[in-house]
Amino acid sequence: MLEFGRLAIDRPEIRDAYLRANKFLVANFVCILETVEALESVIFEVDSRRPNGKRKKSIKLIST
């Protein structure tokens, strides 16, 4: 029997489906963390021009 919170699951098919879904969510969360870490190591510079031709300041994302 799988217990979490106040809910206990004793049906194997429901328990297995829950565990598979949980593994999927954890795997997606790990992918998100890896993506964020990769983005933190890169500096982004965005230059755009205003209608009058003057340049805006660059926007930079720098790892902290």
PDB file of N, CA and C in Angstrom:
ATOM      1  N   MET A   1       0.848  -1.181   0.000  1.00  0.00           N
ATOM      2  CA  MET A   1       0.000   0.000   0.000  1.00  0.00           C
ATOM      3  C   MET A   1       0.890   1.240   0.000  1.00  0.00           C
ATOM      4  N   LEU A   2       0.531   2.223  -0.812  1.00  0.00           N
ATOM      5  CA  LEU A   2       1.254   3.479  -0.896  1.00  0.00           C
ATOM      6  C   LEU A   2       0.472   4.530  -0.119  1.00  0.00           C
ATOM      7  N   GLU A   3       1.129   5.206   0.795  1.00  0.00           N
ATOM      8  CA  GLU A   3       0.455   6.227   1.592  1.00  0.00           C
ATOM      9  C   GLU A   3       1.148   7.572   1.412  1.00  0.00           C
ATOM     10  N   PHE A   4       0.370   8.602   1.193  1.00  0.00           N
ATOM     11  CA  PHE A   4       0.902   9.958   1.174  1.00  0.00           C
ATOM     12  C   PHE A   4      -0.215  10.881   1.655  1.00  0.00           C
ATOM     13  N   GLY A   5       0.151  11.769   2.547  1.00  0.00           N
ATOM     14  CA  GLY A   5      -0.866  12.612   3.154  1.00  0.00           C
ATOM     15  C   GLY A   5      -1.859  11.743   3.900  1.00  0.00           C
ATOM     16  N   ARG A   6      -3.135  12.001   3.696  1.00  0.00           N
ATOM     17  CA  ARG A   6      -4.174  11.194   4.317  1.00  0.00           C
ATOM     18  C   ARG A   6      -4.766  10.188   3.339  1.00  0.00           C
ATOM     19  N   LEU A   7      -4.181  10.099   2.160  1.00  0.00           N
ATOM     20  CA  LEU A   7      -4.704   9.203   1.132  1.00  0.00           C
ATOM     21  C   LEU A   7      -3.855   7.946   1.054  1.00  0.00           C
ATOM     22  N   ALA A   8      -4.474   6.820   1.104  1.00  0.00           N
ATOM     23  CA  ALA A   8      -3.767   5.547   0.970  1.00  0.00           C
ATOM     24  C   ALA A   8      -4.272   4.847  -0.283  1.00  0.00           C
ATOM     25  N   ILE A   9      -3.336   4.398  -1.111  1.00  0.00           N
ATOM     26  CA  ILE A   9      -3.708   3.710  -2.347  1.00  0.00           C
ATOM     27  C   ILE A   9      -3.369   2.238  -2.189  1.00  0.00           C
ATOM     28  N   ASP A  10      -4.392   1.399  -2.292  1.00  0.00           N
ATOM     29  CA  ASP A  10      -4.130  -0.024  -2.152  1.00  0.00           C
ATOM     30  C   ASP A  10      -4.409  -0.788  -3.448  1.00  0.00           C
ATOM     31  N   ARG A  11      -4.901  -0.096  -4.475  1.00  0.00           N
ATOM     32  CA  ARG A  11      -5.117  -0.756  -5.760  1.00  0.00           C
ATOM     33  C   ARG A  11      -3.831  -0.644  -6.571  1.00  0.00           C
ATOM     34  N   PRO A  12      -3.231  -1.759  -6.966  1.00  0.00           N
ATOM     35  CA  PRO A  12      -1.940  -1.738  -7.651  1.00  0.00           C
ATOM     36  C   PRO A  12      -1.922  -0.911  -8.929  1.00  0.00           C
ATOM     37  N   GLU A  13      -2.996  -0.954  -9.721  1.00  0.00           N
ATOM     38  CA  GLU A  13      -3.000  -0.214 -10.981  1.00  0.00           C
ATOM     39  C   GLU A  13      -3.009   1.294 -10.750  1.00  0.00           C
ATOM     40  N   ILE A  14      -3.700   1.743  -9.716  1.00  0.00           N
ATOM     41  CA  ILE A  14      -3.717   3.173  -9.393  1.00  0.00           C
ATOM     42  C   ILE A  14      -2.367   3.572  -8.803  1.00  0.00           C
ATOM     43  N   ARG A  15      -1.837   2.749  -7.920  1.00  0.00           N
ATOM     44  CA  ARG A  15      -0.535   3.022  -7.309  1.00  0.00           C
ATOM     45  C   ARG A  15       0.545   3.120  -8.393  1.00  0.00           C
ATOM     46  N   ASP A  16       0.556   2.174  -9.332  1.00  0.00           N
ATOM     47  CA  ASP A  16       1.560   2.182 -10.395  1.00  0.00           C
ATOM     48  C   ASP A  16       1.424   3.402 -11.298  1.00  0.00           C
ATOM     49  N   ALA A  17       0.177   3.773 -11.609  1.00  0.00           N
ATOM     50  CA  ALA A  17      -0.055   4.964 -12.438  1.00  0.00           C
ATOM     51  C   ALA A  17       0.429   6.218 -11.713  1.00  0.00           C
ATOM     52  N   TYR A  18       0.168   6.294 -10.420  1.00  0.00           N
ATOM     53  CA  TYR A  18       0.632   7.440  -9.638  1.00  0.00           C
ATOM     54  C   TYR A  18       2.154   7.516  -9.640  1.00  0.00           C
ATOM     55  N   LEU A  19       2.818   6.396  -9.424  1.00  0.00           N
ATOM     56  CA  LEU A  19       4.280   6.390  -9.374  1.00  0.00           C
ATOM     57  C   LEU A  19       4.885   6.751 -10.728  1.00  0.00           C
ATOM     58  N   ARG A  20       4.289   6.261 -11.832  1.00  0.00           N
ATOM     59  CA  ARG A  20       4.783   6.614 -13.164  1.00  0.00           C
ATOM     60  C   ARG A  20       4.628   8.110 -13.420  1.00  0.00           C
ATOM     61  N   ALA A  21       3.470   8.656 -13.050  1.00  0.00           N
ATOM     62  CA  ALA A  21       3.226  10.089 -13.245  1.00  0.00           C
ATOM     63  C   ALA A  21       4.197  10.912 -12.408  1.00  0.00           C
ATOM     64  N   ASN A  22       4.453  10.472 -11.186  1.00  0.00           N
ATOM     65  CA  ASN A  22       5.374  11.186 -10.308  1.00  0.00           C
ATOM     66  C   ASN A  22       6.787  11.194 -10.885  1.00  0.00           C
ATOM     67  N   LYS A  23       7.245  10.046 -11.412  1.00  0.00           N
ATOM     68  CA  LYS A  23       8.570   9.979 -12.034  1.00  0.00           C
ATOM     69  C   LYS A  23       8.654  10.910 -13.228  1.00  0.00           C
ATOM     70  N   PHE A  24       7.579  10.987 -14.018  1.00  0.00           N
ATOM     71  CA  PHE A  24       7.534  11.871 -15.177  1.00  0.00           C
ATOM     72  C   PHE A  24       7.660  13.326 -14.744  1.00  0.00           C
ATOM     73  N   LEU A  25       6.924  13.717 -13.688  1.00  0.00           N
ATOM     74  CA  LEU A  25       6.986  15.091 -13.202  1.00  0.00           C
ATOM     75  C   LEU A  25       8.372  15.430 -12.662  1.00  0.00           C
ATOM     76  N   VAL A  26       8.986  14.510 -11.946  1.00  0.00           N
ATOM     77  CA  VAL A  26      10.332  14.742 -11.415  1.00  0.00           C
ATOM     78  C   VAL A  26      11.324  14.894 -12.566  1.00  0.00           C
ATOM     79  N   ALA A  27      11.202  14.057 -13.598  1.00  0.00           N
ATOM     80  CA  ALA A  27      12.106  14.145 -14.749  1.00  0.00           C
ATOM     81  C   ALA A  27      11.952  15.492 -15.445  1.00  0.00           C
ATOM     82  N   ASN A  28      10.724  15.973 -15.599  1.00  0.00           N
ATOM     83  CA  ASN A  28      10.502  17.277 -16.223  1.00  0.00           C
ATOM     84  C   ASN A  28      11.087  18.392 -15.367  1.00  0.00           C
ATOM     85  N   PHE A  29      10.946  18.293 -14.055  1.00  0.00           N
ATOM     86  CA  PHE A  29      11.497  19.307 -13.164  1.00  0.00           C
ATOM     87  C   PHE A  29      13.018  19.358 -13.270  1.00  0.00           C
ATOM     88  N   VAL A  30      13.645  18.198 -13.364  1.00  0.00           N
ATOM     89  CA  VAL A  30      15.105  18.137 -13.518  1.00  0.00           C
ATOM     90  C   VAL A  30      15.516  18.792 -14.828  1.00  0.00           C
ATOM     91  N   CYS A  31      14.769  18.547 -15.903  1.00  0.00           N
ATOM     92  CA  CYS A  31      15.075  19.179 -17.196  1.00  0.00           C
ATOM     93  C   CYS A  31      14.966  20.698 -17.095  1.00  0.00           C
ATOM     94  N   ILE A  32      13.955  21.174 -16.386  1.00  0.00           N
ATOM     95  CA  ILE A  32      13.789  22.616 -16.208  1.00  0.00           C
ATOM     96  C   ILE A  32      14.975  23.189 -15.436  1.00  0.00           C
ATOM     97  N   LEU A  33      15.394  22.514 -14.375  1.00  0.00           N
ATOM     98  CA  LEU A  33      16.539  22.990 -13.596  1.00  0.00           C
ATOM     99  C   LEU A  33      17.812  23.030 -14.443  1.00  0.00           C
ATOM    100  N   GLU A  34      18.022  22.003 -15.252  1.00  0.00           N
ATOM    101  CA  GLU A  34      19.201  21.974 -16.120  1.00  0.00           C
ATOM    102  C   GLU A  34      19.161  23.117 -17.133  1.00  0.00           C
ATOM    103  N   THR A  35      17.983  23.414 -17.652  1.00  0.00           N
ATOM    104  CA  THR A  35      17.836  24.513 -18.607  1.00  0.00           C
ATOM    105  C   THR A  35      18.141  25.845 -17.938  1.00  0.00           C
ATOM    106  N   VAL A  36      17.621  26.048 -16.736  1.00  0.00           N
ATOM    107  CA  VAL A  36      17.873  27.293 -16.008  1.00  0.00           C
ATOM    108  C   VAL A  36      19.369  27.449 -15.719  1.00  0.00           C
ATOM    109  N   GLU A  37      20.016  26.369 -15.308  1.00  0.00           N
ATOM    110  CA  GLU A  37      21.457  26.433 -15.048  1.00  0.00           C
ATOM    111  C   GLU A  37      22.228  26.791 -16.308  1.00  0.00           C
ATOM    112  N   ALA A  38      21.817  26.235 -17.439  1.00  0.00           N
ATOM    113  CA  ALA A  38      22.489  26.547 -18.702  1.00  0.00           C
ATOM    114  C   ALA A  38      22.275  28.009 -19.080  1.00  0.00           C
ATOM    115  N   LEU A  39      21.070  28.503 -18.867  1.00  0.00           N
ATOM    116  CA  LEU A  39      20.787  29.902 -19.199  1.00  0.00           C
ATOM    117  C   LEU A  39      21.536  30.858 -18.282  1.00  0.00           C
ATOM    118  N   GLU A  40      21.715  30.478 -17.026  1.00  0.00           N
ATOM    119  CA  GLU A  40      22.428  31.339 -16.091  1.00  0.00           C
ATOM    120  C   GLU A  40      23.883  31.529 -16.490  1.00  0.00           C
ATOM    121  N   SER A  41      24.434  30.579 -17.232  1.00  0.00           N
ATOM    122  CA  SER A  41      25.842  30.668 -17.602  1.00  0.00           C
ATOM    123  C   SER A  41      26.052  31.481 -18.878  1.00  0.00           C
ATOM    124  N   VAL A  42      24.991  32.002 -19.452  1.00  0.00           N
ATOM    125  CA  VAL A  42      25.088  32.741 -20.710  1.00  0.00           C
ATOM    126  C   VAL A  42      24.635  34.178 -20.480  1.00  0.00           C
ATOM    127  N   ILE A  43      25.292  35.096 -21.132  1.00  0.00           N
ATOM    128  CA  ILE A  43      24.882  36.501 -21.064  1.00  0.00           C
ATOM    129  C   ILE A  43      24.114  36.828 -22.342  1.00  0.00           C
ATOM    130  N   PHE A  44      22.925  37.359 -22.186  1.00  0.00           N
ATOM    131  CA  PHE A  44      22.117  37.753 -23.344  1.00  0.00           C
ATOM    132  C   PHE A  44      22.190  39.258 -23.514  1.00  0.00           C
ATOM    133  N   GLU A  45      22.411  39.677 -24.734  1.00  0.00           N
ATOM    134  CA  GLU A  45      22.375  41.098 -25.037  1.00  0.00           C
ATOM    135  C   GLU A  45      21.345  41.323 -26.125  1.00  0.00           C
ATOM    136  N   VAL A  46      20.462  42.232 -25.862  1.00  0.00           N
ATOM    137  CA  VAL A  46      19.422  42.542 -26.844  1.00  0.00           C
ATOM    138  C   VAL A  46      19.558  44.009 -27.207  1.00  0.00           C
ATOM    139  N   ASP A  47      19.877  44.247 -28.454  1.00  0.00           N
ATOM    140  CA  ASP A  47      19.942  45.622 -28.942  1.00  0.00           C
ATOM    141  C   ASP A  47      18.771  45.856 -29.885  1.00  0.00           C
ATOM    142  N   SER A  48      18.084  46.918 -29.664  1.00  0.00           N
ATOM    143  CA  SER A  48      16.992  47.258 -30.583  1.00  0.00           C
ATOM    144  C   SER A  48      17.082  48.749 -30.889  1.00  0.00           C
ATOM    145  N   ARG A  49      16.558  49.107 -32.000  1.00  0.00           N
ATOM    146  CA  ARG A  49      16.592  50.516 -32.408  1.00  0.00           C
ATOM    147  C   ARG A  49      15.228  51.147 -32.187  1.00  0.00           C
ATOM    148  N   ARG A  50      15.273  52.371 -31.740  1.00  0.00           N
ATOM    149  CA  ARG A  50      14.045  53.138 -31.574  1.00  0.00           C
ATOM    150  C   ARG A  50      13.653  53.716 -32.936  1.00  0.00           C
ATOM    151  N   PRO A  51      12.421  54.149 -33.053  1.00  0.00           N
ATOM    152  CA  PRO A  51      11.996  54.727 -34.340  1.00  0.00           C
ATOM    153  C   PRO A  51      12.858  55.912 -34.787  1.00  0.00           C
ATOM    154  N   ASN A  52      13.421  56.668 -33.836  1.00  0.00           N
ATOM    155  CA  ASN A  52      14.228  57.832 -34.204  1.00  0.00           C
ATOM    156  C   ASN A  52      15.680  57.452 -34.524  1.00  0.00           C
ATOM    157  N   GLY A  53      15.999  56.176 -34.491  1.00  0.00           N
ATOM    158  CA  GLY A  53      17.323  55.718 -34.879  1.00  0.00           C
ATOM    159  C   GLY A  53      18.331  55.622 -33.747  1.00  0.00           C
ATOM    160  N   LYS A  54      17.978  56.107 -32.556  1.00  0.00           N
ATOM    161  CA  LYS A  54      18.904  56.021 -31.426  1.00  0.00           C
ATOM    162  C   LYS A  54      18.845  54.626 -30.823  1.00  0.00           C
ATOM    163  N   ARG A  55      19.948  54.178 -30.297  1.00  0.00           N
ATOM    164  CA  ARG A  55      20.003  52.836 -29.710  1.00  0.00           C
ATOM    165  C   ARG A  55      19.522  52.848 -28.265  1.00  0.00           C
ATOM    166  N   LYS A  56      18.829  51.799 -27.900  1.00  0.00           N
ATOM    167  CA  LYS A  56      18.458  51.597 -26.497  1.00  0.00           C
ATOM    168  C   LYS A  56      19.640  50.950 -25.787  1.00  0.00           C
ATOM    169  N   LYS A  57      19.614  51.026 -24.478  1.00  0.00           N
ATOM    170  CA  LYS A  57      20.635  50.328 -23.707  1.00  0.00           C
ATOM    171  C   LYS A  57      20.445  48.819 -23.861  1.00  0.00           C
ATOM    172  N   SER A  58      21.541  48.094 -23.779  1.00  0.00           N
ATOM    173  CA  SER A  58      21.473  46.636 -23.869  1.00  0.00           C
ATOM    174  C   SER A  58      20.842  46.060 -22.610  1.00  0.00           C
ATOM    175  N   ILE A  59      20.117  44.998 -22.779  1.00  0.00           N
ATOM    176  CA  ILE A  59      19.538  44.257 -21.651  1.00  0.00           C
ATOM    177  C   ILE A  59      20.400  43.025 -21.457  1.00  0.00           C
ATOM    178  N   LYS A  60      20.912  42.838 -20.263  1.00  0.00           N
ATOM    179  CA  LYS A  60      21.801  41.712 -20.000  1.00  0.00           C
ATOM    180  C   LYS A  60      21.256  40.866 -18.861  1.00  0.00           C
ATOM    181  N   LEU A  61      21.317  39.566 -19.037  1.00  0.00           N
ATOM    182  CA  LEU A  61      20.976  38.619 -17.975  1.00  0.00           C
ATOM    183  C   LEU A  61      22.278  37.970 -17.551  1.00  0.00           C
ATOM    184  N   ILE A  62      22.674  38.215 -16.325  1.00  0.00           N
ATOM    185  CA  ILE A  62      23.961  37.727 -15.847  1.00  0.00           C
ATOM    186  C   ILE A  62      23.735  36.794 -14.673  1.00  0.00           C
ATOM    187  N   SER A  63      24.446  35.682 -14.676  1.00  0.00           N
ATOM    188  CA  SER A  63      24.340  34.724 -13.583  1.00  0.00           C
ATOM    189  C   SER A  63      24.746  35.389 -12.277  1.00  0.00           C
ATOM    190  N   THR A  64      23.977  35.076 -11.227  1.00  0.00           N
ATOM    191  CA  THR A  64      24.304  35.654  -9.919  1.00  0.00           C
ATOM    192  C   THR A  64      24.920  34.621  -9.019  1.00  0.00           C
TER     193      THR A  64
END
